[in-house]
Amino acid sequence: MREAERVVDAAVEHIRTRSDESLGIATLNLKQRDLIAELLDERLASIEAAEEYRSRWHKVGQPLFIKNLENVQGDERDAIIISTTFGKPPGAGVVRQNFGPISKLGGGAD
């Protein structure tokens, strides 16, 4: 949750101060992607410039995105925020050393 909130803070700051640059957010897992998407939607609902930003970049074919590692390949934006957090599984005392596709041979690339 803590990193998701910081990623959302960074995205909001980007939209407010660098509206002339497109933005993407990449995560290393689906749960973090979904959490960031939810938090960002909540925050952007109260920011006037957010809808204008989204609309403008959508019209030029570079909409704001939040994607997990497996789906971000090939996407280009002026800025990309990367969320790398993996947490402890429920009931575990340590973080597993399995970081999804990035742990595999080739780093998730096919």
PDB file of N, CA and C in Angstrom:
ATOM      1  N   MET A   1       0.826  -1.193   0.000  1.00  0.00           N
ATOM      2  CA  MET A   1       0.000   0.000   0.000  1.00  0.00           C
ATOM      3  C   MET A   1       0.873   1.261   0.000  1.00  0.00           C
ATOM      4  N   ARG A   2       1.927   1.241   0.801  1.00  0.00           N
ATOM      5  CA  ARG A   2       2.777   2.436   0.914  1.00  0.00           C
ATOM      6  C   ARG A   2       3.378   2.822  -0.439  1.00  0.00           C
ATOM      7  N   GLU A   3       3.910   1.828  -1.174  1.00  0.00           N
ATOM      8  CA  GLU A   3       4.501   2.164  -2.461  1.00  0.00           C
ATOM      9  C   GLU A   3       3.424   2.592  -3.462  1.00  0.00           C
ATOM     10  N   ALA A   4       2.282   1.948  -3.429  1.00  0.00           N
ATOM     11  CA  ALA A   4       1.192   2.328  -4.332  1.00  0.00           C
ATOM     12  C   ALA A   4       0.805   3.788  -4.119  1.00  0.00           C
ATOM     13  N   GLU A   5       0.735   4.194  -2.874  1.00  0.00           N
ATOM     14  CA  GLU A   5       0.406   5.594  -2.578  1.00  0.00           C
ATOM     15  C   GLU A   5       1.475   6.544  -3.109  1.00  0.00           C
ATOM     16  N   ARG A   6       2.748   6.166  -2.972  1.00  0.00           N
ATOM     17  CA  ARG A   6       3.840   7.006  -3.494  1.00  0.00           C
ATOM     18  C   ARG A   6       3.817   7.073  -5.019  1.00  0.00           C
ATOM     19  N   VAL A   7       3.501   5.958  -5.664  1.00  0.00           N
ATOM     20  CA  VAL A   7       3.394   5.950  -7.124  1.00  0.00           C
ATOM     21  C   VAL A   7       2.271   6.883  -7.558  1.00  0.00           C
ATOM     22  N   VAL A   8       1.150   6.829  -6.869  1.00  0.00           N
ATOM     23  CA  VAL A   8       0.027   7.722  -7.185  1.00  0.00           C
ATOM     24  C   VAL A   8       0.437   9.174  -6.950  1.00  0.00           C
ATOM     25  N   ASP A   9       1.138   9.449  -5.856  1.00  0.00           N
ATOM     26  CA  ASP A   9       1.637  10.815  -5.615  1.00  0.00           C
ATOM     27  C   ASP A   9       2.502  11.287  -6.782  1.00  0.00           C
ATOM     28  N   ALA A  10       3.398  10.418  -7.238  1.00  0.00           N
ATOM     29  CA  ALA A  10       4.294  10.780  -8.346  1.00  0.00           C
ATOM     30  C   ALA A  10       3.510  11.014  -9.637  1.00  0.00           C
ATOM     31  N   ALA A  11       2.497  10.192  -9.880  1.00  0.00           N
ATOM     32  CA  ALA A  11       1.686  10.362 -11.087  1.00  0.00           C
ATOM     33  C   ALA A  11       0.906  11.671 -11.049  1.00  0.00           C
ATOM     34  N   VAL A  12       0.332  11.984  -9.909  1.00  0.00           N
ATOM     35  CA  VAL A  12      -0.417  13.236  -9.756  1.00  0.00           C
ATOM     36  C   VAL A  12       0.524  14.432  -9.938  1.00  0.00           C
ATOM     37  N   GLU A  13       1.690  14.353  -9.340  1.00  0.00           N
ATOM     38  CA  GLU A  13       2.683  15.425  -9.496  1.00  0.00           C
ATOM     39  C   GLU A  13       3.054  15.601 -10.978  1.00  0.00           C
ATOM     40  N   HIS A  14       3.231  14.502 -11.680  1.00  0.00           N
ATOM     41  CA  HIS A  14       3.546  14.548 -13.109  1.00  0.00           C
ATOM     42  C   HIS A  14       2.425  15.258 -13.869  1.00  0.00           C
ATOM     43  N   ILE A  15       1.202  14.862 -13.608  1.00  0.00           N
ATOM     44  CA  ILE A  15       0.053  15.453 -14.314  1.00  0.00           C
ATOM     45  C   ILE A  15      -0.042  16.949 -14.028  1.00  0.00           C
ATOM     46  N   ARG A  16       0.220  17.337 -12.805  1.00  0.00           N
ATOM     47  CA  ARG A  16       0.122  18.760 -12.433  1.00  0.00           C
ATOM     48  C   ARG A  16       1.272  19.592 -12.981  1.00  0.00           C
ATOM     49  N   THR A  17       2.480  19.045 -13.018  1.00  0.00           N
ATOM     50  CA  THR A  17       3.646  19.866 -13.343  1.00  0.00           C
ATOM     51  C   THR A  17       4.272  19.559 -14.699  1.00  0.00           C
ATOM     52  N   ARG A  18       3.927  18.425 -15.282  1.00  0.00           N
ATOM     53  CA  ARG A  18       4.533  18.040 -16.560  1.00  0.00           C
ATOM     54  C   ARG A  18       3.454  17.573 -17.540  1.00  0.00           C
ATOM     55  N   SER A  19       2.397  18.334 -17.628  1.00  0.00           N
ATOM     56  CA  SER A  19       1.257  17.934 -18.459  1.00  0.00           C
ATOM     57  C   SER A  19       1.608  17.848 -19.939  1.00  0.00           C
ATOM     58  N   ASP A  20       2.760  18.396 -20.322  1.00  0.00           N
ATOM     59  CA  ASP A  20       3.200  18.329 -21.712  1.00  0.00           C
ATOM     60  C   ASP A  20       3.941  17.020 -22.011  1.00  0.00           C
ATOM     61  N   GLU A  21       4.010  16.112 -21.026  1.00  0.00           N
ATOM     62  CA  GLU A  21       4.670  14.824 -21.217  1.00  0.00           C
ATOM     63  C   GLU A  21       3.694  13.687 -20.915  1.00  0.00           C
ATOM     64  N   SER A  22       3.703  12.679 -21.769  1.00  0.00           N
ATOM     65  CA  SER A  22       2.847  11.511 -21.560  1.00  0.00           C
ATOM     66  C   SER A  22       3.393  10.680 -20.398  1.00  0.00           C
ATOM     67  N   LEU A  23       2.547   9.784 -19.867  1.00  0.00           N
ATOM     68  CA  LEU A  23       2.921   9.023 -18.676  1.00  0.00           C
ATOM     69  C   LEU A  23       2.385   7.598 -18.733  1.00  0.00           C
ATOM     70  N   GLY A  24       3.211   6.678 -18.277  1.00  0.00           N
ATOM     71  CA  GLY A  24       2.790   5.303 -18.085  1.00  0.00           C
ATOM     72  C   GLY A  24       3.275   4.820 -16.731  1.00  0.00           C
ATOM     73  N   ILE A  25       2.570   3.840 -16.195  1.00  0.00           N
ATOM     74  CA  ILE A  25       2.964   3.227 -14.926  1.00  0.00           C
ATOM     75  C   ILE A  25       3.063   1.729 -15.159  1.00  0.00           C
ATOM     76  N   ALA A  26       4.208   1.157 -14.797  1.00  0.00           N
ATOM     77  CA  ALA A  26       4.429  -0.283 -14.940  1.00  0.00           C
ATOM     78  C   ALA A  26       4.601  -0.889 -13.551  1.00  0.00           C
ATOM     79  N   THR A  27       4.026  -2.063 -13.355  1.00  0.00           N
ATOM     80  CA  THR A  27       4.156  -2.772 -12.086  1.00  0.00           C
ATOM     81  C   THR A  27       4.700  -4.168 -12.355  1.00  0.00           C
ATOM     82  N   LEU A  28       5.221  -4.796 -11.320  1.00  0.00           N
ATOM     83  CA  LEU A  28       5.749  -6.145 -11.470  1.00  0.00           C
ATOM     84  C   LEU A  28       4.731  -7.215 -11.120  1.00  0.00           C
ATOM     85  N   ASN A  29       3.538  -6.816 -10.701  1.00  0.00           N
ATOM     86  CA  ASN A  29       2.510  -7.820 -10.422  1.00  0.00           C
ATOM     87  C   ASN A  29       1.116  -7.229 -10.573  1.00  0.00           C
ATOM     88  N   LEU A  30       0.146  -8.106 -10.779  1.00  0.00           N
ATOM     89  CA  LEU A  30      -1.231  -7.684 -11.043  1.00  0.00           C
ATOM     90  C   LEU A  30      -1.893  -7.012  -9.842  1.00  0.00           C
ATOM     91  N   LYS A  31      -1.631  -7.524  -8.646  1.00  0.00           N
ATOM     92  CA  LYS A  31      -2.268  -6.936  -7.463  1.00  0.00           C
ATOM     93  C   LYS A  31      -1.841  -5.483  -7.277  1.00  0.00           C
ATOM     94  N   GLN A  32      -0.564  -5.205  -7.481  1.00  0.00           N
ATOM     95  CA  GLN A  32      -0.072  -3.835  -7.344  1.00  0.00           C
ATOM     96  C   GLN A  32      -0.656  -2.960  -8.462  1.00  0.00           C
ATOM     97  N   ARG A  33      -0.747  -3.504  -9.654  1.00  0.00           N
ATOM     98  CA  ARG A  33      -1.360  -2.745 -10.759  1.00  0.00           C
ATOM     99  C   ARG A  33      -2.794  -2.350 -10.407  1.00  0.00           C
ATOM    100  N   ASP A  34      -3.560  -3.312  -9.921  1.00  0.00           N
ATOM    101  CA  ASP A  34      -4.959  -3.038  -9.591  1.00  0.00           C
ATOM    102  C   ASP A  34      -5.090  -2.033  -8.456  1.00  0.00           C
ATOM    103  N   LEU A  35      -4.239  -2.147  -7.448  1.00  0.00           N
ATOM    104  CA  LEU A  35      -4.270  -1.220  -6.322  1.00  0.00           C
ATOM    105  C   LEU A  35      -3.925   0.194  -6.784  1.00  0.00           C
ATOM    106  N   ILE A  36      -2.886   0.328  -7.580  1.00  0.00           N
ATOM    107  CA  ILE A  36      -2.495   1.653  -8.088  1.00  0.00           C
ATOM    108  C   ILE A  36      -3.603   2.244  -8.956  1.00  0.00           C
ATOM    109  N   ALA A  37      -4.203   1.432  -9.810  1.00  0.00           N
ATOM    110  CA  ALA A  37      -5.287   1.918 -10.670  1.00  0.00           C
ATOM    111  C   ALA A  37      -6.452   2.449  -9.836  1.00  0.00           C
ATOM    112  N   GLU A  38      -6.807   1.712  -8.799  1.00  0.00           N
ATOM    113  CA  GLU A  38      -7.913   2.130  -7.935  1.00  0.00           C
ATOM    114  C   GLU A  38      -7.586   3.434  -7.207  1.00  0.00           C
ATOM    115  N   LEU A  39      -6.404   3.486  -6.606  1.00  0.00           N
ATOM    116  CA  LEU A  39      -6.006   4.692  -5.875  1.00  0.00           C
ATOM    117  C   LEU A  39      -5.869   5.907  -6.796  1.00  0.00           C
ATOM    118  N   LEU A  40      -5.324   5.688  -7.989  1.00  0.00           N
ATOM    119  CA  LEU A  40      -5.152   6.799  -8.922  1.00  0.00           C
ATOM    120  C   LEU A  40      -6.495   7.326  -9.407  1.00  0.00           C
ATOM    121  N   ASP A  41      -7.411   6.441  -9.725  1.00  0.00           N
ATOM    122  CA  ASP A  41      -8.748   6.887 -10.139  1.00  0.00           C
ATOM    123  C   ASP A  41      -9.411   7.727  -9.051  1.00  0.00           C
ATOM    124  N   GLU A  42      -9.278   7.279  -7.799  1.00  0.00           N
ATOM    125  CA  GLU A  42      -9.864   8.035  -6.681  1.00  0.00           C
ATOM    126  C   GLU A  42      -9.248   9.427  -6.579  1.00  0.00           C
ATOM    127  N   ARG A  43      -7.922   9.506  -6.674  1.00  0.00           N
ATOM    128  CA  ARG A  43      -7.236  10.804  -6.564  1.00  0.00           C
ATOM    129  C   ARG A  43      -7.557  11.714  -7.733  1.00  0.00           C
ATOM    130  N   LEU A  44      -7.545  11.172  -8.944  1.00  0.00           N
ATOM    131  CA  LEU A  44      -7.741  12.012 -10.126  1.00  0.00           C
ATOM    132  C   LEU A  44      -9.164  12.547 -10.240  1.00  0.00           C
ATOM    133  N   ALA A  45     -10.110  11.886  -9.587  1.00  0.00           N
ATOM    134  CA  ALA A  45     -11.499  12.355  -9.628  1.00  0.00           C
ATOM    135  C   ALA A  45     -11.639  13.748  -9.021  1.00  0.00           C
ATOM    136  N   SER A  46     -10.738  14.125  -8.127  1.00  0.00           N
ATOM    137  CA  SER A  46     -10.831  15.424  -7.467  1.00  0.00           C
ATOM    138  C   SER A  46      -9.865  16.462  -8.031  1.00  0.00           C
ATOM    139  N   ILE A  47      -9.225  16.131  -9.143  1.00  0.00           N
ATOM    140  CA  ILE A  47      -8.250  17.053  -9.730  1.00  0.00           C
ATOM    141  C   ILE A  47      -8.758  17.503 -11.101  1.00  0.00           C
ATOM    142  N   GLU A  48      -9.044  18.783 -11.217  1.00  0.00           N
ATOM    143  CA  GLU A  48      -9.620  19.322 -12.457  1.00  0.00           C
ATOM    144  C   GLU A  48      -8.779  19.022 -13.686  1.00  0.00           C
ATOM    145  N   ALA A  49      -7.497  19.226 -13.598  1.00  0.00           N
ATOM    146  CA  ALA A  49      -6.622  19.082 -14.762  1.00  0.00           C
ATOM    147  C   ALA A  49      -6.471  17.630 -15.207  1.00  0.00           C
ATOM    148  N   ALA A  50      -6.873  16.689 -14.387  1.00  0.00           N
ATOM    149  CA  ALA A  50      -6.655  15.278 -14.694  1.00  0.00           C
ATOM    150  C   ALA A  50      -7.436  14.822 -15.927  1.00  0.00           C
ATOM    151  N   GLU A  51      -8.685  15.198 -16.024  1.00  0.00           N
ATOM    152  CA  GLU A  51      -9.487  14.757 -17.165  1.00  0.00           C
ATOM    153  C   GLU A  51      -8.978  15.372 -18.464  1.00  0.00           C
ATOM    154  N   GLU A  52      -8.579  16.623 -18.406  1.00  0.00           N
ATOM    155  CA  GLU A  52      -7.999  17.282 -19.575  1.00  0.00           C
ATOM    156  C   GLU A  52      -6.712  16.572 -19.999  1.00  0.00           C
ATOM    157  N   TYR A  53      -5.875  16.236 -19.018  1.00  0.00           N
ATOM    158  CA  TYR A  53      -4.624  15.519 -19.298  1.00  0.00           C
ATOM    159  C   TYR A  53      -4.920  14.177 -19.964  1.00  0.00           C
ATOM    160  N   ARG A  54      -5.803  13.397 -19.366  1.00  0.00           N
ATOM    161  CA  ARG A  54      -6.139  12.076 -19.923  1.00  0.00           C
ATOM    162  C   ARG A  54      -6.700  12.191 -21.333  1.00  0.00           C
ATOM    163  N   SER A  55      -7.601  13.126 -21.522  1.00  0.00           N
ATOM    164  CA  SER A  55      -8.232  13.307 -22.826  1.00  0.00           C
ATOM    165  C   SER A  55      -7.213  13.708 -23.890  1.00  0.00           C
ATOM    166  N   ARG A  56      -6.364  14.644 -23.553  1.00  0.00           N
ATOM    167  CA  ARG A  56      -5.363  15.121 -24.509  1.00  0.00           C
ATOM    168  C   ARG A  56      -4.436  14.007 -24.962  1.00  0.00           C
ATOM    169  N   TRP A  57      -3.924  13.222 -24.032  1.00  0.00           N
ATOM    170  CA  TRP A  57      -2.999  12.162 -24.398  1.00  0.00           C
ATOM    171  C   TRP A  57      -3.706  10.982 -25.065  1.00  0.00           C
ATOM    172  N   HIS A  58      -4.969  10.784 -24.730  1.00  0.00           N
ATOM    173  CA  HIS A  58      -5.739   9.734 -25.416  1.00  0.00           C
ATOM    174  C   HIS A  58      -5.925  10.089 -26.894  1.00  0.00           C
ATOM    175  N   LYS A  59      -6.205  11.353 -27.161  1.00  0.00           N
ATOM    176  CA  LYS A  59      -6.427  11.807 -28.538  1.00  0.00           C
ATOM    177  C   LYS A  59      -5.200  11.627 -29.427  1.00  0.00           C
ATOM    178  N   VAL A  60      -4.009  11.725 -28.855  1.00  0.00           N
ATOM    179  CA  VAL A  60      -2.790  11.575 -29.653  1.00  0.00           C
ATOM    180  C   VAL A  60      -2.239  10.144 -29.618  1.00  0.00           C
ATOM    181  N   GLY A  61      -3.019   9.228 -29.051  1.00  0.00           N
ATOM    182  CA  GLY A  61      -2.632   7.822 -29.071  1.00  0.00           C
ATOM    183  C   GLY A  61      -1.621   7.407 -28.017  1.00  0.00           C
ATOM    184  N   GLN A  62      -1.485   8.210 -26.964  1.00  0.00           N
ATOM    185  CA  GLN A  62      -0.574   7.864 -25.874  1.00  0.00           C
ATOM    186  C   GLN A  62      -1.273   8.042 -24.530  1.00  0.00           C
ATOM    187  N   PRO A  63      -2.359   7.306 -24.312  1.00  0.00           N
ATOM    188  CA  PRO A  63      -3.096   7.487 -23.060  1.00  0.00           C
ATOM    189  C   PRO A  63      -2.288   7.045 -21.846  1.00  0.00           C
ATOM    190  N   LEU A  64      -2.603   7.645 -20.713  1.00  0.00           N
ATOM    191  CA  LEU A  64      -2.034   7.224 -19.439  1.00  0.00           C
ATOM    192  C   LEU A  64      -2.371   5.747 -19.256  1.00  0.00           C
ATOM    193  N   PHE A  65      -1.369   4.944 -18.909  1.00  0.00           N
ATOM    194  CA  PHE A  65      -1.652   3.531 -18.669  1.00  0.00           C
ATOM    195  C   PHE A  65      -1.051   3.073 -17.357  1.00  0.00           C
ATOM    196  N   ILE A  66      -1.644   2.000 -16.835  1.00  0.00           N
ATOM    197  CA  ILE A  66      -1.110   1.281 -15.678  1.00  0.00           C
ATOM    198  C   ILE A  66      -1.140  -0.183 -16.098  1.00  0.00           C
ATOM    199  N   LYS A  67       0.042  -0.757 -16.306  1.00  0.00           N
ATOM    200  CA  LYS A  67       0.123  -2.120 -16.815  1.00  0.00           C
ATOM    201  C   LYS A  67       1.114  -2.940 -16.010  1.00  0.00           C
ATOM    202  N   ASN A  68       0.848  -4.227 -15.967  1.00  0.00           N
ATOM    203  CA  ASN A  68       1.811  -5.126 -15.348  1.00  0.00           C
ATOM    204  C   ASN A  68       2.903  -5.450 -16.360  1.00  0.00           C
ATOM    205  N   LEU A  69       3.986  -5.992 -15.854  1.00  0.00           N
ATOM    206  CA  LEU A  69       5.187  -6.242 -16.650  1.00  0.00           C
ATOM    207  C   LEU A  69       4.907  -6.990 -17.953  1.00  0.00           C
ATOM    208  N   GLU A  70       4.054  -8.000 -17.892  1.00  0.00           N
ATOM    209  CA  GLU A  70       3.798  -8.821 -19.075  1.00  0.00           C
ATOM    210  C   GLU A  70       3.120  -8.049 -20.202  1.00  0.00           C
ATOM    211  N   ASN A  71       2.476  -6.945 -19.882  1.00  0.00           N
ATOM    212  CA  ASN A  71       1.707  -6.211 -20.891  1.00  0.00           C
ATOM    213  C   ASN A  71       2.280  -4.858 -21.273  1.00  0.00           C
ATOM    214  N   VAL A  72       3.412  -4.485 -20.716  1.00  0.00           N
ATOM    215  CA  VAL A  72       3.937  -3.146 -20.961  1.00  0.00           C
ATOM    216  C   VAL A  72       4.955  -3.103 -22.099  1.00  0.00           C
ATOM    217  N   GLN A  73       5.463  -4.242 -22.499  1.00  0.00           N
ATOM    218  CA  GLN A  73       6.502  -4.267 -23.528  1.00  0.00           C
ATOM    219  C   GLN A  73       6.032  -3.560 -24.796  1.00  0.00           C
ATOM    220  N   GLY A  74       6.863  -2.665 -25.299  1.00  0.00           N
ATOM    221  CA  GLY A  74       6.561  -1.946 -26.534  1.00  0.00           C
ATOM    222  C   GLY A  74       5.867  -0.618 -26.330  1.00  0.00           C
ATOM    223  N   ASP A  75       5.332  -0.376 -25.141  1.00  0.00           N
ATOM    224  CA  ASP A  75       4.683   0.907 -24.875  1.00  0.00           C
ATOM    225  C   ASP A  75       5.735   1.963 -24.592  1.00  0.00           C
ATOM    226  N   GLU A  76       5.582   3.105 -25.205  1.00  0.00           N
ATOM    227  CA  GLU A  76       6.520   4.206 -24.998  1.00  0.00           C
ATOM    228  C   GLU A  76       5.761   5.423 -24.506  1.00  0.00           C
ATOM    229  N   ARG A  77       6.323   6.082 -23.522  1.00  0.00           N
ATOM    230  CA  ARG A  77       5.795   7.337 -23.006  1.00  0.00           C
ATOM    231  C   ARG A  77       6.981   8.234 -22.679  1.00  0.00           C
ATOM    232  N   ASP A  78       6.715   9.523 -22.488  1.00  0.00           N
ATOM    233  CA  ASP A  78       7.784  10.442 -22.103  1.00  0.00           C
ATOM    234  C   ASP A  78       8.345  10.072 -20.735  1.00  0.00           C
ATOM    235  N   ALA A  79       7.480   9.629 -19.842  1.00  0.00           N
ATOM    236  CA  ALA A  79       7.903   9.216 -18.499  1.00  0.00           C
ATOM    237  C   ALA A  79       7.186   7.920 -18.138  1.00  0.00           C
ATOM    238  N   ILE A  80       7.912   7.037 -17.456  1.00  0.00           N
ATOM    239  CA  ILE A  80       7.321   5.793 -16.964  1.00  0.00           C
ATOM    240  C   ILE A  80       7.723   5.640 -15.507  1.00  0.00           C
ATOM    241  N   ILE A  81       6.732   5.451 -14.665  1.00  0.00           N
ATOM    242  CA  ILE A  81       6.952   5.171 -13.255  1.00  0.00           C
ATOM    243  C   ILE A  81       6.889   3.657 -13.104  1.00  0.00           C
ATOM    244  N   ILE A  82       7.883   3.079 -12.439  1.00  0.00           N
ATOM    245  CA  ILE A  82       7.926   1.627 -12.268  1.00  0.00           C
ATOM    246  C   ILE A  82       7.736   1.286 -10.794  1.00  0.00           C
ATOM    247  N   SER A  83       6.714   0.505 -10.518  1.00  0.00           N
ATOM    248  CA  SER A  83       6.448   0.032  -9.164  1.00  0.00           C
ATOM    249  C   SER A  83       7.054  -1.357  -9.033  1.00  0.00           C
ATOM    250  N   THR A  84       7.989  -1.509  -8.114  1.00  0.00           N
ATOM    251  CA  THR A  84       8.718  -2.778  -7.996  1.00  0.00           C
ATOM    252  C   THR A  84       8.374  -3.575  -6.745  1.00  0.00           C
ATOM    253  N   THR A  85       7.454  -3.112  -5.940  1.00  0.00           N
ATOM    254  CA  THR A  85       7.190  -3.748  -4.654  1.00  0.00           C
ATOM    255  C   THR A  85       6.590  -5.135  -4.765  1.00  0.00           C
ATOM    256  N   PHE A  86       7.144  -6.007  -3.978  1.00  0.00           N
ATOM    257  CA  PHE A  86       6.571  -7.316  -3.693  1.00  0.00           C
ATOM    258  C   PHE A  86       6.541  -7.411  -2.179  1.00  0.00           C
ATOM    259  N   GLY A  87       5.446  -7.894  -1.632  1.00  0.00           N
ATOM    260  CA  GLY A  87       5.339  -8.008  -0.185  1.00  0.00           C
ATOM    261  C   GLY A  87       5.317  -9.448   0.276  1.00  0.00           C
ATOM    262  N   LYS A  88       5.223  -9.596   1.574  1.00  0.00           N
ATOM    263  CA  LYS A  88       5.142 -10.929   2.166  1.00  0.00           C
ATOM    264  C   LYS A  88       3.781 -11.537   1.852  1.00  0.00           C
ATOM    265  N   PRO A  89       3.743 -12.814   1.497  1.00  0.00           N
ATOM    266  CA  PRO A  89       2.445 -13.479   1.345  1.00  0.00           C
ATOM    267  C   PRO A  89       1.740 -13.513   2.697  1.00  0.00           C
ATOM    268  N   PRO A  90       0.419 -13.563   2.699  1.00  0.00           N
ATOM    269  CA  PRO A  90      -0.306 -13.616   3.973  1.00  0.00           C
ATOM    270  C   PRO A  90       0.214 -14.753   4.849  1.00  0.00           C
ATOM    271  N   GLY A  91       0.497 -14.423   6.106  1.00  0.00           N
ATOM    272  CA  GLY A  91       0.955 -15.422   7.062  1.00  0.00           C
ATOM    273  C   GLY A  91       2.437 -15.747   6.997  1.00  0.00           C
ATOM    274  N   ALA A  92       3.149 -15.169   6.053  1.00  0.00           N
ATOM    275  CA  ALA A  92       4.580 -15.463   5.910  1.00  0.00           C
ATOM    276  C   ALA A  92       5.401 -14.431   6.679  1.00  0.00           C
ATOM    277  N   GLY A  93       6.584 -14.843   7.093  1.00  0.00           N
ATOM    278  CA  GLY A  93       7.463 -13.939   7.807  1.00  0.00           C
ATOM    279  C   GLY A  93       8.457 -13.236   6.915  1.00  0.00           C
ATOM    280  N   VAL A  94       8.602 -13.707   5.687  1.00  0.00           N
ATOM    281  CA  VAL A  94       9.577 -13.125   4.767  1.00  0.00           C
ATOM    282  C   VAL A  94       8.973 -12.995   3.374  1.00  0.00           C
ATOM    283  N   VAL A  95       9.593 -12.146   2.577  1.00  0.00           N
ATOM    284  CA  VAL A  95       9.192 -11.994   1.177  1.00  0.00           C
ATOM    285  C   VAL A  95       9.774 -13.163   0.396  1.00  0.00           C
ATOM    286  N   ARG A  96       8.944 -13.823  -0.397  1.00  0.00           N
ATOM    287  CA  ARG A  96       9.448 -14.905  -1.251  1.00  0.00           C
ATOM    288  C   ARG A  96      10.410 -14.318  -2.265  1.00  0.00           C
ATOM    289  N   GLN A  97      11.352 -15.079  -2.683  1.00  0.00           N
ATOM    290  CA  GLN A  97      12.311 -14.626  -3.689  1.00  0.00           C
ATOM    291  C   GLN A  97      11.838 -15.012  -5.086  1.00  0.00           C
ATOM    292  N   ASN A  98      10.543 -14.932  -5.307  1.00  0.00           N
ATOM    293  CA  ASN A  98       9.938 -15.200  -6.604  1.00  0.00           C
ATOM    294  C   ASN A  98       9.262 -13.910  -7.036  1.00  0.00           C
ATOM    295  N   PHE A  99       9.803 -13.264  -8.028  1.00  0.00           N
ATOM    296  CA  PHE A  99       9.290 -11.970  -8.460  1.00  0.00           C
ATOM    297  C   PHE A  99       8.557 -12.061  -9.780  1.00  0.00           C
ATOM    298  N   GLY A 100       7.734 -13.083  -9.925  1.00  0.00           N
ATOM    299  CA  GLY A 100       6.929 -13.233 -11.121  1.00  0.00           C
ATOM    300  C   GLY A 100       7.785 -13.433 -12.350  1.00  0.00           C
ATOM    301  N   PRO A 101       7.319 -12.949 -13.501  1.00  0.00           N
ATOM    302  CA  PRO A 101       8.009 -13.179 -14.769  1.00  0.00           C
ATOM    303  C   PRO A 101       9.440 -12.661 -14.798  1.00  0.00           C
ATOM    304  N   ILE A 102       9.718 -11.622 -14.011  1.00  0.00           N
ATOM    305  CA  ILE A 102      11.063 -11.047 -14.053  1.00  0.00           C
ATOM    306  C   ILE A 102      12.103 -12.009 -13.470  1.00  0.00           C
ATOM    307  N   SER A 103      11.658 -12.988 -12.667  1.00  0.00           N
ATOM    308  CA  SER A 103      12.576 -13.985 -12.086  1.00  0.00           C
ATOM    309  C   SER A 103      12.935 -15.097 -13.063  1.00  0.00           C
ATOM    310  N   LYS A 104      12.193 -15.183 -14.143  1.00  0.00           N
ATOM    311  CA  LYS A 104      12.395 -16.274 -15.081  1.00  0.00           C
ATOM    312  C   LYS A 104      13.489 -15.962 -16.092  1.00  0.00           C
ATOM    313  N   LEU A 105      13.977 -16.993 -16.725  1.00  0.00           N
ATOM    314  CA  LEU A 105      14.982 -16.847 -17.771  1.00  0.00           C
ATOM    315  C   LEU A 105      14.475 -15.838 -18.798  1.00  0.00           C
ATOM    316  N   GLY A 106      15.255 -14.849 -19.123  1.00  0.00           N
ATOM    317  CA  GLY A 106      14.860 -13.832 -20.088  1.00  0.00           C
ATOM    318  C   GLY A 106      14.092 -12.682 -19.463  1.00  0.00           C
ATOM    319  N   GLY A 107      13.858 -12.715 -18.156  1.00  0.00           N
ATOM    320  CA  GLY A 107      13.192 -11.608 -17.479  1.00  0.00           C
ATOM    321  C   GLY A 107      11.763 -11.385 -17.897  1.00  0.00           C
ATOM    322  N   GLY A 108      11.084 -12.400 -18.351  1.00  0.00           N
ATOM    323  CA  GLY A 108       9.692 -12.272 -18.752  1.00  0.00           C
ATOM    324  C   GLY A 108       9.510 -12.026 -20.228  1.00  0.00           C
ATOM    325  N   ALA A 109      10.586 -11.799 -20.954  1.00  0.00           N
ATOM    326  CA  ALA A 109      10.472 -11.575 -22.399  1.00  0.00           C
ATOM    327  C   ALA A 109      10.289 -12.924 -23.090  1.00  0.00           C
ATOM    328  N   ASP A 110       9.471 -12.929 -24.079  1.00  0.00           N
ATOM    329  CA  ASP A 110       9.226 -14.166 -24.838  1.00  0.00           C
ATOM    330  C   ASP A 110      10.270 -14.373 -25.893  1.00  0.00           C
TER     331      ASP A 110
END
